[in-house]
PDB file of N, CA and C in Angstrom:
ATOM      1  N   UNK A   1     116.739  78.717 102.653  1.00  0.00           N
ATOM      2  CA  UNK A   1     115.656  78.157 101.869  1.00  0.00           C
ATOM      3  C   UNK A   1     115.289  79.146 100.757  1.00  0.00           C
ATOM      4  N   UNK A   2     115.167  78.662  99.561  1.00  0.00           N
ATOM      5  CA  UNK A   2     114.772  79.498  98.422  1.00  0.00           C
ATOM      6  C   UNK A   2     113.256  79.679  98.427  1.00  0.00           C
ATOM      7  N   UNK A   3     112.815  80.763  97.808  1.00  0.00           N
ATOM      8  CA  UNK A   3     111.368  80.989  97.739  1.00  0.00           C
ATOM      9  C   UNK A   3     110.720  79.965  96.816  1.00  0.00           C
ATOM     10  N   UNK A   4     109.438  79.766  96.989  1.00  0.00           N
ATOM     11  CA  UNK A   4     108.649  78.795  96.236  1.00  0.00           C
ATOM     12  C   UNK A   4     108.337  79.369  94.848  1.00  0.00           C
ATOM     13  N   UNK A   5     108.958  78.805  93.822  1.00  0.00           N
ATOM     14  CA  UNK A   5     108.764  79.285  92.442  1.00  0.00           C
ATOM     15  C   UNK A   5     107.308  79.141  91.998  1.00  0.00           C
ATOM     16  N   UNK A   6     106.657  78.068  92.431  1.00  0.00           N
ATOM     17  CA  UNK A   6     105.253  77.870  92.070  1.00  0.00           C
ATOM     18  C   UNK A   6     104.388  78.978  92.671  1.00  0.00           C
ATOM     19  N   UNK A   7     104.641  79.318  93.922  1.00  0.00           N
ATOM     20  CA  UNK A   7     103.902  80.407  94.557  1.00  0.00           C
ATOM     21  C   UNK A   7     104.173  81.718  93.825  1.00  0.00           C
ATOM     22  N   UNK A   8     105.414  81.970  93.467  1.00  0.00           N
ATOM     23  CA  UNK A   8     105.748  83.194  92.730  1.00  0.00           C
ATOM     24  C   UNK A   8     104.998  83.246  91.400  1.00  0.00           C
ATOM     25  N   UNK A   9     104.910  82.116  90.708  1.00  0.00           N
ATOM     26  CA  UNK A   9     104.170  82.072  89.436  1.00  0.00           C
ATOM     27  C   UNK A   9     102.682  82.338  89.650  1.00  0.00           C
ATOM     28  N   UNK A  10     102.132  81.801  90.724  1.00  0.00           N
ATOM     29  CA  UNK A  10     100.711  82.029  91.027  1.00  0.00           C
ATOM     30  C   UNK A  10     100.449  83.495  91.363  1.00  0.00           C
ATOM     31  N   UNK A  11     101.360  84.109  92.112  1.00  0.00           N
ATOM     32  CA  UNK A  11     101.235  85.543  92.413  1.00  0.00           C
ATOM     33  C   UNK A  11     101.339  86.339  91.119  1.00  0.00           C
ATOM     34  N   UNK A  12     102.330  86.005  90.306  1.00  0.00           N
ATOM     35  CA  UNK A  12     102.564  86.701  89.029  1.00  0.00           C
ATOM     36  C   UNK A  12     101.301  86.684  88.165  1.00  0.00           C
ATOM     37  N   UNK A  13     100.610  85.562  88.128  1.00  0.00           N
ATOM     38  CA  UNK A  13      99.383  85.459  87.333  1.00  0.00           C
ATOM     39  C   UNK A  13      98.306  86.408  87.859  1.00  0.00           C
ATOM     40  N   UNK A  14      98.254  86.596  89.168  1.00  0.00           N
ATOM     41  CA  UNK A  14      97.241  87.471  89.761  1.00  0.00           C
ATOM     42  C   UNK A  14      97.555  88.955  89.573  1.00  0.00           C
ATOM     43  N   UNK A  15      98.826  89.297  89.453  1.00  0.00           N
ATOM     44  CA  UNK A  15      99.205  90.717  89.341  1.00  0.00           C
ATOM     45  C   UNK A  15      99.602  91.111  87.923  1.00  0.00           C
ATOM     46  N   UNK A  16      99.387  90.221  86.977  1.00  0.00           N
ATOM     47  CA  UNK A  16      99.846  90.450  85.599  1.00  0.00           C
ATOM     48  C   UNK A  16      99.326  91.748  84.991  1.00  0.00           C
ATOM     49  N   UNK A  17      98.139  92.183  85.364  1.00  0.00           N
ATOM     50  CA  UNK A  17      97.556  93.386  84.771  1.00  0.00           C
ATOM     51  C   UNK A  17      97.894  94.667  85.525  1.00  0.00           C
ATOM     52  N   UNK A  18      98.668  94.569  86.589  1.00  0.00           N
ATOM     53  CA  UNK A  18      99.033  95.758  87.366  1.00  0.00           C
ATOM     54  C   UNK A  18      99.990  96.641  86.565  1.00  0.00           C
ATOM     55  N   UNK A  19      99.706  97.928  86.552  1.00  0.00           N
ATOM     56  CA  UNK A  19     100.655  98.845  85.917  1.00  0.00           C
ATOM     57  C   UNK A  19     101.735  99.172  86.945  1.00  0.00           C
ATOM     58  N   UNK A  20     102.872  99.548  86.474  1.00  0.00           N
ATOM     59  CA  UNK A  20     104.018  99.917  87.324  1.00  0.00           C
ATOM     60  C   UNK A  20     104.464  98.765  88.223  1.00  0.00           C
ATOM     61  N   UNK A  21     104.277  97.532  87.764  1.00  0.00           N
ATOM     62  CA  UNK A  21     104.671  96.355  88.531  1.00  0.00           C
ATOM     63  C   UNK A  21     106.119  96.000  88.235  1.00  0.00           C
ATOM     64  N   UNK A  22     106.872  95.733  89.278  1.00  0.00           N
ATOM     65  CA  UNK A  22     108.232  95.226  89.123  1.00  0.00           C
ATOM     66  C   UNK A  22     108.417  94.067  90.098  1.00  0.00           C
ATOM     67  N   UNK A  23     109.374  93.230  89.787  1.00  0.00           N
ATOM     68  CA  UNK A  23     109.744  92.129  90.670  1.00  0.00           C
ATOM     69  C   UNK A  23     111.175  92.366  91.106  1.00  0.00           C
ATOM     70  N   UNK A  24     111.448  92.045  92.352  1.00  0.00           N
ATOM     71  CA  UNK A  24     112.799  92.239  92.852  1.00  0.00           C
ATOM     72  C   UNK A  24     113.107  91.175  93.895  1.00  0.00           C
ATOM     73  N   UNK A  25     114.261  90.551  93.758  1.00  0.00           N
ATOM     74  CA  UNK A  25     114.682  89.581  94.762  1.00  0.00           C
ATOM     75  C   UNK A  25     115.149  90.357  95.993  1.00  0.00           C
ATOM     76  N   UNK A  26     114.571  90.003  97.126  1.00  0.00           N
ATOM     77  CA  UNK A  26     114.983  90.617  98.389  1.00  0.00           C
ATOM     78  C   UNK A  26     114.576  89.729  99.550  1.00  0.00           C
ATOM     79  N   UNK A  27     115.304  89.834 100.639  1.00  0.00           N
ATOM     80  CA  UNK A  27     115.029  89.054 101.849  1.00  0.00           C
ATOM     81  C   UNK A  27     114.997  87.556 101.559  1.00  0.00           C
ATOM     82  N   UNK A  28     115.734  87.087 100.565  1.00  0.00           N
ATOM     83  CA  UNK A  28     115.740  85.674 100.215  1.00  0.00           C
ATOM     84  C   UNK A  28     114.494  85.225  99.477  1.00  0.00           C
ATOM     85  N   UNK A  29     113.653  86.170  99.098  1.00  0.00           N
ATOM     86  CA  UNK A  29     112.417  85.851  98.390  1.00  0.00           C
ATOM     87  C   UNK A  29     112.289  86.676  97.128  1.00  0.00           C
ATOM     88  N   UNK A  30     111.095  86.689  96.564  1.00  0.00           N
ATOM     89  CA  UNK A  30     110.816  87.471  95.368  1.00  0.00           C
ATOM     90  C   UNK A  30     109.664  88.410  95.686  1.00  0.00           C
ATOM     91  N   UNK A  31     109.967  89.711  95.673  1.00  0.00           N
ATOM     92  CA  UNK A  31     108.970  90.731  96.005  1.00  0.00           C
ATOM     93  C   UNK A  31     108.312  91.257  94.741  1.00  0.00           C
ATOM     94  N   UNK A  32     107.042  91.596  94.875  1.00  0.00           N
ATOM     95  CA  UNK A  32     106.267  92.207  93.801  1.00  0.00           C
ATOM     96  C   UNK A  32     105.943  93.622  94.257  1.00  0.00           C
ATOM     97  N   UNK A  33     106.431  94.605  93.492  1.00  0.00           N
ATOM     98  CA  UNK A  33     106.293  96.001  93.862  1.00  0.00           C
ATOM     99  C   UNK A  33     105.402  96.730  92.873  1.00  0.00           C
ATOM    100  N   UNK A  34     104.621  97.656  93.378  1.00  0.00           N
ATOM    101  CA  UNK A  34     103.776  98.502  92.543  1.00  0.00           C
ATOM    102  C   UNK A  34     104.201  99.933  92.807  1.00  0.00           C
ATOM    103  N   UNK A  35     104.668 100.599  91.768  1.00  0.00           N
ATOM    104  CA  UNK A  35     105.162 101.957  91.942  1.00  0.00           C
ATOM    105  C   UNK A  35     106.341 102.023  92.891  1.00  0.00           C
ATOM    106  N   UNK A  36     107.099 100.937  92.971  1.00  0.00           N
ATOM    107  CA  UNK A  36     108.259 100.885  93.855  1.00  0.00           C
ATOM    108  C   UNK A  36     107.933 100.499  95.288  1.00  0.00           C
ATOM    109  N   UNK A  37     106.660 100.303  95.603  1.00  0.00           N
ATOM    110  CA  UNK A  37     106.237  99.916  96.950  1.00  0.00           C
ATOM    111  C   UNK A  37     105.914  98.426  96.977  1.00  0.00           C
ATOM    112  N   UNK A  38     106.529  97.713  97.919  1.00  0.00           N
ATOM    113  CA  UNK A  38     106.292  96.280  97.999  1.00  0.00           C
ATOM    114  C   UNK A  38     104.844  95.999  98.370  1.00  0.00           C
ATOM    115  N   UNK A  39     104.235  95.085  97.633  1.00  0.00           N
ATOM    116  CA  UNK A  39     102.857  94.660  97.902  1.00  0.00           C
ATOM    117  C   UNK A  39     102.865  93.302  98.593  1.00  0.00           C
ATOM    118  N   UNK A  40     103.512  92.332  97.966  1.00  0.00           N
ATOM    119  CA  UNK A  40     103.610  90.975  98.496  1.00  0.00           C
ATOM    120  C   UNK A  40     104.954  90.394  98.085  1.00  0.00           C
ATOM    121  N   UNK A  41     105.322  89.298  98.729  1.00  0.00           N
ATOM    122  CA  UNK A  41     106.548  88.602  98.342  1.00  0.00           C
ATOM    123  C   UNK A  41     106.406  87.119  98.629  1.00  0.00           C
ATOM    124  N   UNK A  42     106.899  86.308  97.704  1.00  0.00           N
ATOM    125  CA  UNK A  42     107.066  84.883  97.966  1.00  0.00           C
ATOM    126  C   UNK A  42     108.296  84.807  98.864  1.00  0.00           C
ATOM    127  N   UNK A  43     108.107  84.380 100.086  1.00  0.00           N
ATOM    128  CA  UNK A  43     109.158  84.450 101.089  1.00  0.00           C
ATOM    129  C   UNK A  43     110.178  83.329 100.951  1.00  0.00           C
ATOM    130  N   UNK A  44     111.406  83.643 101.236  1.00  0.00           N
ATOM    131  CA  UNK A  44     112.458  82.646 101.265  1.00  0.00           C
ATOM    132  C   UNK A  44     112.318  81.702 102.448  1.00  0.00           C
ATOM    133  N   UNK A  45     111.449  82.047 103.396  1.00  0.00           N
ATOM    134  CA  UNK A  45     111.198  81.199 104.562  1.00  0.00           C
ATOM    135  C   UNK A  45     109.916  80.394 104.393  1.00  0.00           C
ATOM    136  N   UNK A  46     109.364  80.430 103.190  1.00  0.00           N
ATOM    137  CA  UNK A  46     108.112  79.733 102.919  1.00  0.00           C
ATOM    138  C   UNK A  46     106.930  80.661 103.102  1.00  0.00           C
ATOM    139  N   UNK A  47     105.884  80.397 102.378  1.00  0.00           N
ATOM    140  CA  UNK A  47     104.700  81.241 102.474  1.00  0.00           C
ATOM    141  C   UNK A  47     104.914  82.590 101.816  1.00  0.00           C
ATOM    142  N   UNK A  48     104.183  83.575 102.325  1.00  0.00           N
ATOM    143  CA  UNK A  48     104.175  84.881 101.676  1.00  0.00           C
ATOM    144  C   UNK A  48     104.208  85.998 102.712  1.00  0.00           C
ATOM    145  N   UNK A  49     104.877  87.083 102.347  1.00  0.00           N
ATOM    146  CA  UNK A  49     104.827  88.316 103.124  1.00  0.00           C
ATOM    147  C   UNK A  49     103.831  89.228 102.419  1.00  0.00           C
ATOM    148  N   UNK A  50     103.015  89.918 103.206  1.00  0.00           N
ATOM    149  CA  UNK A  50     101.994  90.806 102.659  1.00  0.00           C
ATOM    150  C   UNK A  50     102.090  92.149 103.367  1.00  0.00           C
ATOM    151  N   UNK A  51     102.099  93.212 102.584  1.00  0.00           N
ATOM    152  CA  UNK A  51     102.093  94.553 103.162  1.00  0.00           C
ATOM    153  C   UNK A  51     100.652  95.047 103.195  1.00  0.00           C
ATOM    154  N   UNK A  52     100.205  95.444 104.377  1.00  0.00           N
ATOM    155  CA  UNK A  52      98.823  95.897 104.553  1.00  0.00           C
ATOM    156  C   UNK A  52      98.822  97.245 105.267  1.00  0.00           C
ATOM    157  N   UNK A  53      97.670  97.880 105.265  1.00  0.00           N
ATOM    158  CA  UNK A  53      97.499  99.127 106.005  1.00  0.00           C
ATOM    159  C   UNK A  53      97.801  98.840 107.476  1.00  0.00           C
ATOM    160  N   UNK A  54      98.753  99.552 108.082  1.00  0.00           N
ATOM    161  CA  UNK A  54      99.082  99.294 109.486  1.00  0.00           C
ATOM    162  C   UNK A  54      97.870  99.386 110.416  1.00  0.00           C
ATOM    163  N   UNK A  55      96.893 100.208 110.061  1.00  0.00           N
ATOM    164  CA  UNK A  55      95.690 100.339 110.888  1.00  0.00           C
ATOM    165  C   UNK A  55      94.846  99.065 110.870  1.00  0.00           C
ATOM    166  N   UNK A  56      95.049  98.205 109.885  1.00  0.00           N
ATOM    167  CA  UNK A  56      94.279  96.963 109.765  1.00  0.00           C
ATOM    168  C   UNK A  56      95.040  95.729 110.246  1.00  0.00           C
ATOM    169  N   UNK A  57      96.310  95.883 110.566  1.00  0.00           N
ATOM    170  CA  UNK A  57      97.150  94.734 110.938  1.00  0.00           C
ATOM    171  C   UNK A  57      96.573  93.911 112.074  1.00  0.00           C
ATOM    172  N   UNK A  58      96.253  94.567 113.179  1.00  0.00           N
ATOM    173  CA  UNK A  58      95.776  93.829 114.354  1.00  0.00           C
ATOM    174  C   UNK A  58      94.478  93.081 114.064  1.00  0.00           C
ATOM    175  N   UNK A  59      93.577  93.709 113.322  1.00  0.00           N
ATOM    176  CA  UNK A  59      92.309  93.068 112.972  1.00  0.00           C
ATOM    177  C   UNK A  59      92.554  91.843 112.106  1.00  0.00           C
ATOM    178  N   UNK A  60      93.442  91.963 111.133  1.00  0.00           N
ATOM    179  CA  UNK A  60      93.744  90.830 110.253  1.00  0.00           C
ATOM    180  C   UNK A  60      94.400  89.689 111.024  1.00  0.00           C
ATOM    181  N   UNK A  61      95.303  90.015 111.934  1.00  0.00           N
ATOM    182  CA  UNK A  61      95.957  88.977 112.735  1.00  0.00           C
ATOM    183  C   UNK A  61      94.932  88.263 113.615  1.00  0.00           C
ATOM    184  N   UNK A  62      93.984  89.006 114.157  1.00  0.00           N
ATOM    185  CA  UNK A  62      92.978  88.415 115.044  1.00  0.00           C
ATOM    186  C   UNK A  62      91.935  87.587 114.299  1.00  0.00           C
ATOM    187  N   UNK A  63      91.703  87.900 113.020  1.00  0.00           N
ATOM    188  CA  UNK A  63      90.592  87.256 112.307  1.00  0.00           C
ATOM    189  C   UNK A  63      91.016  86.322 111.173  1.00  0.00           C
ATOM    190  N   UNK A  64      92.308  86.148 110.966  1.00  0.00           N
ATOM    191  CA  UNK A  64      92.807  85.297 109.881  1.00  0.00           C
ATOM    192  C   UNK A  64      93.986  84.475 110.386  1.00  0.00           C
ATOM    193  N   UNK A  65      94.482  83.551 109.568  1.00  0.00           N
ATOM    194  CA  UNK A  65      95.658  82.783 109.989  1.00  0.00           C
ATOM    195  C   UNK A  65      96.978  83.557 109.853  1.00  0.00           C
ATOM    196  N   UNK A  66      96.929  84.793 109.384  1.00  0.00           N
ATOM    197  CA  UNK A  66      98.155  85.588 109.231  1.00  0.00           C
ATOM    198  C   UNK A  66      98.734  85.925 110.601  1.00  0.00           C
ATOM    199  N   UNK A  67     100.032  86.150 110.610  1.00  0.00           N
ATOM    200  CA  UNK A  67     100.684  86.584 111.845  1.00  0.00           C
ATOM    201  C   UNK A  67     101.619  87.748 111.514  1.00  0.00           C
ATOM    202  N   UNK A  68     101.980  88.540 112.505  1.00  0.00           N
ATOM    203  CA  UNK A  68     102.844  89.689 112.229  1.00  0.00           C
ATOM    204  C   UNK A  68     104.218  89.239 111.735  1.00  0.00           C
ATOM    205  N   UNK A  69     104.767  89.997 110.812  1.00  0.00           N
ATOM    206  CA  UNK A  69     106.150  89.772 110.379  1.00  0.00           C
ATOM    207  C   UNK A  69     107.056  90.238 111.500  1.00  0.00           C
ATOM    208  N   UNK A  70     108.144  89.543 111.680  1.00  0.00           N
ATOM    209  CA  UNK A  70     109.128  89.970 112.670  1.00  0.00           C
ATOM    210  C   UNK A  70     110.469  90.129 111.991  1.00  0.00           C
ATOM    211  N   UNK A  71     111.150  91.178 112.350  1.00  0.00           N
ATOM    212  CA  UNK A  71     112.502  91.413 111.863  1.00  0.00           C
ATOM    213  C   UNK A  71     113.369  91.612 113.099  1.00  0.00           C
ATOM    214  N   UNK A  72     114.340  90.747 113.254  1.00  0.00           N
ATOM    215  CA  UNK A  72     115.228  90.760 114.419  1.00  0.00           C
ATOM    216  C   UNK A  72     114.444  90.695 115.727  1.00  0.00           C
ATOM    217  N   UNK A  73     113.390  89.876 115.718  1.00  0.00           N
ATOM    218  CA  UNK A  73     112.605  89.661 116.916  1.00  0.00           C
ATOM    219  C   UNK A  73     111.565  90.725 117.226  1.00  0.00           C
ATOM    220  N   UNK A  74     111.446  91.733 116.365  1.00  0.00           N
ATOM    221  CA  UNK A  74     110.475  92.803 116.599  1.00  0.00           C
ATOM    222  C   UNK A  74     109.385  92.752 115.539  1.00  0.00           C
ATOM    223  N   UNK A  75     108.112  92.856 115.976  1.00  0.00           N
ATOM    224  CA  UNK A  75     107.025  92.858 114.990  1.00  0.00           C
ATOM    225  C   UNK A  75     107.080  94.113 114.125  1.00  0.00           C
ATOM    226  N   UNK A  76     106.794  93.931 112.852  1.00  0.00           N
ATOM    227  CA  UNK A  76     106.795  95.043 111.900  1.00  0.00           C
ATOM    228  C   UNK A  76     105.344  95.413 111.602  1.00  0.00           C
ATOM    229  N   UNK A  77     104.936  96.583 112.028  1.00  0.00           N
ATOM    230  CA  UNK A  77     103.562  97.031 111.829  1.00  0.00           C
ATOM    231  C   UNK A  77     103.276  97.170 110.335  1.00  0.00           C
ATOM    232  N   UNK A  78     102.171  96.594 109.884  1.00  0.00           N
ATOM    233  CA  UNK A  78     101.786  96.693 108.480  1.00  0.00           C
ATOM    234  C   UNK A  78     102.358  95.591 107.598  1.00  0.00           C
ATOM    235  N   UNK A  79     103.061  94.648 108.191  1.00  0.00           N
ATOM    236  CA  UNK A  79     103.632  93.530 107.436  1.00  0.00           C
ATOM    237  C   UNK A  79     103.163  92.235 108.077  1.00  0.00           C
ATOM    238  N   UNK A  80     102.607  91.348 107.259  1.00  0.00           N
ATOM    239  CA  UNK A  80     102.096  90.073 107.756  1.00  0.00           C
ATOM    240  C   UNK A  80     102.753  88.908 107.032  1.00  0.00           C
ATOM    241  N   UNK A  81     102.766  87.770 107.706  1.00  0.00           N
ATOM    242  CA  UNK A  81     103.254  86.526 107.112  1.00  0.00           C
ATOM    243  C   UNK A  81     102.077  85.563 107.029  1.00  0.00           C
ATOM    244  N   UNK A  82     101.935  84.948 105.860  1.00  0.00           N
ATOM    245  CA  UNK A  82     100.883  83.958 105.648  1.00  0.00           C
ATOM    246  C   UNK A  82     101.572  82.660 105.225  1.00  0.00           C
ATOM    247  N   UNK A  83     101.302  81.586 105.945  1.00  0.00           N
ATOM    248  CA  UNK A  83     101.927  80.296 105.647  1.00  0.00           C
ATOM    249  C   UNK A  83     101.398  79.712 104.341  1.00  0.00           C
ATOM    250  N   UNK A  84     102.225  78.907 103.697  1.00  0.00           N
ATOM    251  CA  UNK A  84     101.869  78.282 102.419  1.00  0.00           C
ATOM    252  C   UNK A  84     100.577  77.468 102.518  1.00  0.00           C
ATOM    253  N   UNK A  85     100.357  76.811 103.643  1.00  0.00           N
ATOM    254  CA  UNK A  85      99.142  75.998 103.804  1.00  0.00           C
ATOM    255  C   UNK A  85      97.874  76.848 103.747  1.00  0.00           C
ATOM    256  N   UNK A  86      97.995  78.142 103.989  1.00  0.00           N
ATOM    257  CA  UNK A  86      96.841  79.040 103.939  1.00  0.00           C
ATOM    258  C   UNK A  86      96.737  79.768 102.603  1.00  0.00           C
ATOM    259  N   UNK A  87      97.514  79.305 101.625  1.00  0.00           N
ATOM    260  CA  UNK A  87      97.523  79.910 100.287  1.00  0.00           C
ATOM    261  C   UNK A  87      97.299  78.861  99.204  1.00  0.00           C
ATOM    262  N   UNK A  88      96.748  77.727  99.575  1.00  0.00           N
ATOM    263  CA  UNK A  88      96.627  76.614  98.633  1.00  0.00           C
ATOM    264  C   UNK A  88      95.678  76.895  97.481  1.00  0.00           C
ATOM    265  N   UNK A  89      94.572  77.551  97.756  1.00  0.00           N
ATOM    266  CA  UNK A  89      93.600  77.783  96.688  1.00  0.00           C
ATOM    267  C   UNK A  89      93.813  79.159  96.063  1.00  0.00           C
ATOM    268  N   UNK A  90      93.309  79.303  94.849  1.00  0.00           N
ATOM    269  CA  UNK A  90      93.398  80.601  94.168  1.00  0.00           C
ATOM    270  C   UNK A  90      92.673  81.673  94.982  1.00  0.00           C
ATOM    271  N   UNK A  91      91.553  81.300  95.550  1.00  0.00           N
ATOM    272  CA  UNK A  91      90.767  82.260  96.340  1.00  0.00           C
ATOM    273  C   UNK A  91      91.551  82.744  97.563  1.00  0.00           C
ATOM    274  N   UNK A  92      92.201  81.817  98.267  1.00  0.00           N
ATOM    275  CA  UNK A  92      93.001  82.192  99.436  1.00  0.00           C
ATOM    276  C   UNK A  92      94.129  83.140  99.033  1.00  0.00           C
ATOM    277  N   UNK A  93      94.843  82.768  97.981  1.00  0.00           N
ATOM    278  CA  UNK A  93      95.961  83.589  97.525  1.00  0.00           C
ATOM    279  C   UNK A  93      95.478  84.951  97.041  1.00  0.00           C
ATOM    280  N   UNK A  94      94.389  84.971  96.278  1.00  0.00           N
ATOM    281  CA  UNK A  94      93.869  86.226  95.723  1.00  0.00           C
ATOM    282  C   UNK A  94      93.472  87.206  96.823  1.00  0.00           C
ATOM    283  N   UNK A  95      92.962  86.693  97.930  1.00  0.00           N
ATOM    284  CA  UNK A  95      92.592  87.572  99.045  1.00  0.00           C
ATOM    285  C   UNK A  95      93.808  88.351  99.530  1.00  0.00           C
ATOM    286  N   UNK A  96      94.911  87.650  99.777  1.00  0.00           N
ATOM    287  CA  UNK A  96      96.106  88.288 100.322  1.00  0.00           C
ATOM    288  C   UNK A  96      96.809  89.157  99.289  1.00  0.00           C
ATOM    289  N   UNK A  97      96.868  88.680  98.061  1.00  0.00           N
ATOM    290  CA  UNK A  97      97.473  89.495  96.999  1.00  0.00           C
ATOM    291  C   UNK A  97      96.648  90.772  96.814  1.00  0.00           C
ATOM    292  N   UNK A  98      95.332  90.652  96.888  1.00  0.00           N
ATOM    293  CA  UNK A  98      94.463  91.824  96.767  1.00  0.00           C
ATOM    294  C   UNK A  98      94.702  92.840  97.871  1.00  0.00           C
ATOM    295  N   UNK A  99      94.849  92.367  99.101  1.00  0.00           N
ATOM    296  CA  UNK A  99      95.127  93.282 100.211  1.00  0.00           C
ATOM    297  C   UNK A  99      96.466  93.990 100.018  1.00  0.00           C
ATOM    298  N   UNK A 100      97.483  93.228  99.625  1.00  0.00           N
ATOM    299  CA  UNK A 100      98.807  93.817  99.432  1.00  0.00           C
ATOM    300  C   UNK A 100      98.853  94.808  98.285  1.00  0.00           C
ATOM    301  N   UNK A 101      98.244  94.448  97.160  1.00  0.00           N
ATOM    302  CA  UNK A 101      98.284  95.352  96.004  1.00  0.00           C
ATOM    303  C   UNK A 101      97.432  96.592  96.249  1.00  0.00           C
ATOM    304  N   UNK A 102      96.315  96.449  96.927  1.00  0.00           N
ATOM    305  CA  UNK A 102      95.476  97.620  97.233  1.00  0.00           C
ATOM    306  C   UNK A 102      96.243  98.620  98.091  1.00  0.00           C
ATOM    307  N   UNK A 103      96.938  98.111  99.095  1.00  0.00           N
ATOM    308  CA  UNK A 103      97.687  99.028  99.956  1.00  0.00           C
ATOM    309  C   UNK A 103      98.865  99.652  99.203  1.00  0.00           C
ATOM    310  N   UNK A 104      99.585  98.856  98.433  1.00  0.00           N
ATOM    311  CA  UNK A 104     100.726  99.402  97.680  1.00  0.00           C
ATOM    312  C   UNK A 104     100.271 100.484  96.705  1.00  0.00           C
ATOM    313  N   UNK A 105      99.111 100.289  96.072  1.00  0.00           N
ATOM    314  CA  UNK A 105      98.572 101.294  95.150  1.00  0.00           C
ATOM    315  C   UNK A 105      98.193 102.580  95.867  1.00  0.00           C
ATOM    316  N   UNK A 106      97.849 102.485  97.149  1.00  0.00           N
ATOM    317  CA  UNK A 106      97.429 103.669  97.903  1.00  0.00           C
ATOM    318  C   UNK A 106      98.610 104.554  98.307  1.00  0.00           C
ATOM    319  N   UNK A 107      99.814 104.025  98.188  1.00  0.00           N
ATOM    320  CA  UNK A 107     101.012 104.772  98.572  1.00  0.00           C
ATOM    321  C   UNK A 107     101.542 105.585  97.398  1.00  0.00           C
ATOM    322  N   UNK A 108     102.213 106.673  97.710  1.00  0.00           N
ATOM    323  CA  UNK A 108     102.830 107.482  96.659  1.00  0.00           C
ATOM    324  C   UNK A 108     103.924 106.659  95.987  1.00  0.00           C
ATOM    325  N   UNK A 109     104.003 106.720  94.656  1.00  0.00           N
ATOM    326  CA  UNK A 109     105.073 105.985  93.973  1.00  0.00           C
ATOM    327  C   UNK A 109     106.438 106.484  94.431  1.00  0.00           C
ATOM    328  N   UNK A 110     107.367 105.564  94.518  1.00  0.00           N
ATOM    329  CA  UNK A 110     108.732 105.940  94.883  1.00  0.00           C
ATOM    330  C   UNK A 110     109.452 106.450  93.646  1.00  0.00           C
ATOM    331  N   UNK A 111     110.332 107.389  93.870  1.00  0.00           N
ATOM    332  CA  UNK A 111     111.120 107.920  92.756  1.00  0.00           C
ATOM    333  C   UNK A 111     112.076 106.854  92.262  1.00  0.00           C
ATOM    334  N   UNK A 112     112.240 106.835  90.964  1.00  0.00           N
ATOM    335  CA  UNK A 112     113.234 105.935  90.373  1.00  0.00           C
ATOM    336  C   UNK A 112     114.611 106.497  90.687  1.00  0.00           C
ATOM    337  N   UNK A 113     115.483 105.660  91.154  1.00  0.00           N
ATOM    338  CA  UNK A 113     116.847 106.107  91.402  1.00  0.00           C
ATOM    339  C   UNK A 113     117.773 105.369  90.468  1.00  0.00           C
ATOM    340  N   UNK A 114     118.833 106.008  90.133  1.00  0.00           N
ATOM    341  CA  UNK A 114     119.835 105.405  89.273  1.00  0.00           C
ATOM    342  C   UNK A 114     120.616 104.406  90.104  1.00  0.00           C
ATOM    343  N   UNK A 115     120.562 103.147  89.738  1.00  0.00           N
ATOM    344  CA  UNK A 115     121.198 102.087  90.522  1.00  0.00           C
ATOM    345  C   UNK A 115     122.703 101.971  90.263  1.00  0.00           C
ATOM    346  N   UNK A 116     123.177 102.710  89.265  1.00  0.00           N
ATOM    347  CA  UNK A 116     124.609 102.636  88.993  1.00  0.00           C
ATOM    348  C   UNK A 116     125.388 103.297  90.121  1.00  0.00           C
ATOM    349  N   UNK A 117     126.561 102.779  90.417  1.00  0.00           N
ATOM    350  CA  UNK A 117     127.361 103.416  91.462  1.00  0.00           C
ATOM    351  C   UNK A 117     127.737 104.833  91.032  1.00  0.00           C
ATOM    352  N   UNK A 118     127.749 105.712  91.999  1.00  0.00           N
ATOM    353  CA  UNK A 118     128.099 107.092  91.657  1.00  0.00           C
ATOM    354  C   UNK A 118     129.578 107.170  91.315  1.00  0.00           C
ATOM    355  N   UNK A 119     129.873 108.062  90.416  1.00  0.00           N
ATOM    356  CA  UNK A 119     131.272 108.284  90.046  1.00  0.00           C
ATOM    357  C   UNK A 119     131.714 109.580  90.694  1.00  0.00           C
ATOM    358  N   UNK A 120     132.652 109.453  91.537  1.00  0.00           N
ATOM    359  CA  UNK A 120     133.183 110.647  92.179  1.00  0.00           C
ATOM    360  C   UNK A 120     134.271 111.216  91.296  1.00  0.00           C
ATOM    361  N   UNK A 121     134.254 112.487  91.208  1.00  0.00           N
ATOM    362  CA  UNK A 121     135.322 113.147  90.468  1.00  0.00           C
ATOM    363  C   UNK A 121     136.547 113.168  91.374  1.00  0.00           C
ATOM    364  N   UNK A 122     137.608 112.631  90.873  1.00  0.00           N
ATOM    365  CA  UNK A 122     138.834 112.580  91.658  1.00  0.00           C
ATOM    366  C   UNK A 122     139.592 113.890  91.506  1.00  0.00           C
ATOM    367  N   UNK A 123     140.118 114.336  92.606  1.00  0.00           N
ATOM    368  CA  UNK A 123     140.920 115.565  92.564  1.00  0.00           C
ATOM    369  C   UNK A 123     142.200 115.277  91.790  1.00  0.00           C
ATOM    370  N   UNK A 124     142.590 116.211  91.001  1.00  0.00           N
ATOM    371  CA  UNK A 124     143.852 116.059  90.267  1.00  0.00           C
ATOM    372  C   UNK A 124     144.844 117.069  90.806  1.00  0.00           C
ATOM    373  N   UNK A 125     146.032 116.636  90.894  1.00  0.00           N
ATOM    374  CA  UNK A 125     147.098 117.501  91.396  1.00  0.00           C
ATOM    375  C   UNK A 125     147.913 117.993  90.223  1.00  0.00           C
ATOM    376  N   UNK A 126     147.896 119.262  90.037  1.00  0.00           N
ATOM    377  CA  UNK A 126     148.677 119.847  88.935  1.00  0.00           C
ATOM    378  C   UNK A 126     150.034 120.253  89.382  1.00  0.00           C
TER     379      UNK A 126
END
């Protein structure tokens, strides 16, 4: 399943003023990164993935419709999934985008790496 382009556009509108913002396709979705740290993503499985402070994960799961993200059957601390039905209004979406961007901003920026493949110097036989 492809990610929801409309949801991605709505997220994009909310994060338009963020500095150091990049978008990257990953996990079958479209991730929005701040300083190289993922904040939120329009998920390829529908809805949205949100990165939050791991210390707040359990509280958010208990008090909101969000649920823990799972990777290979294991919950990922600090990552939540929010279904599309819980993101219908601008206010609902802004809450989750705000949580994700706030946490991403609190992290140290990741170093830019050169994405080009490395060139190994080949040994020459004289």
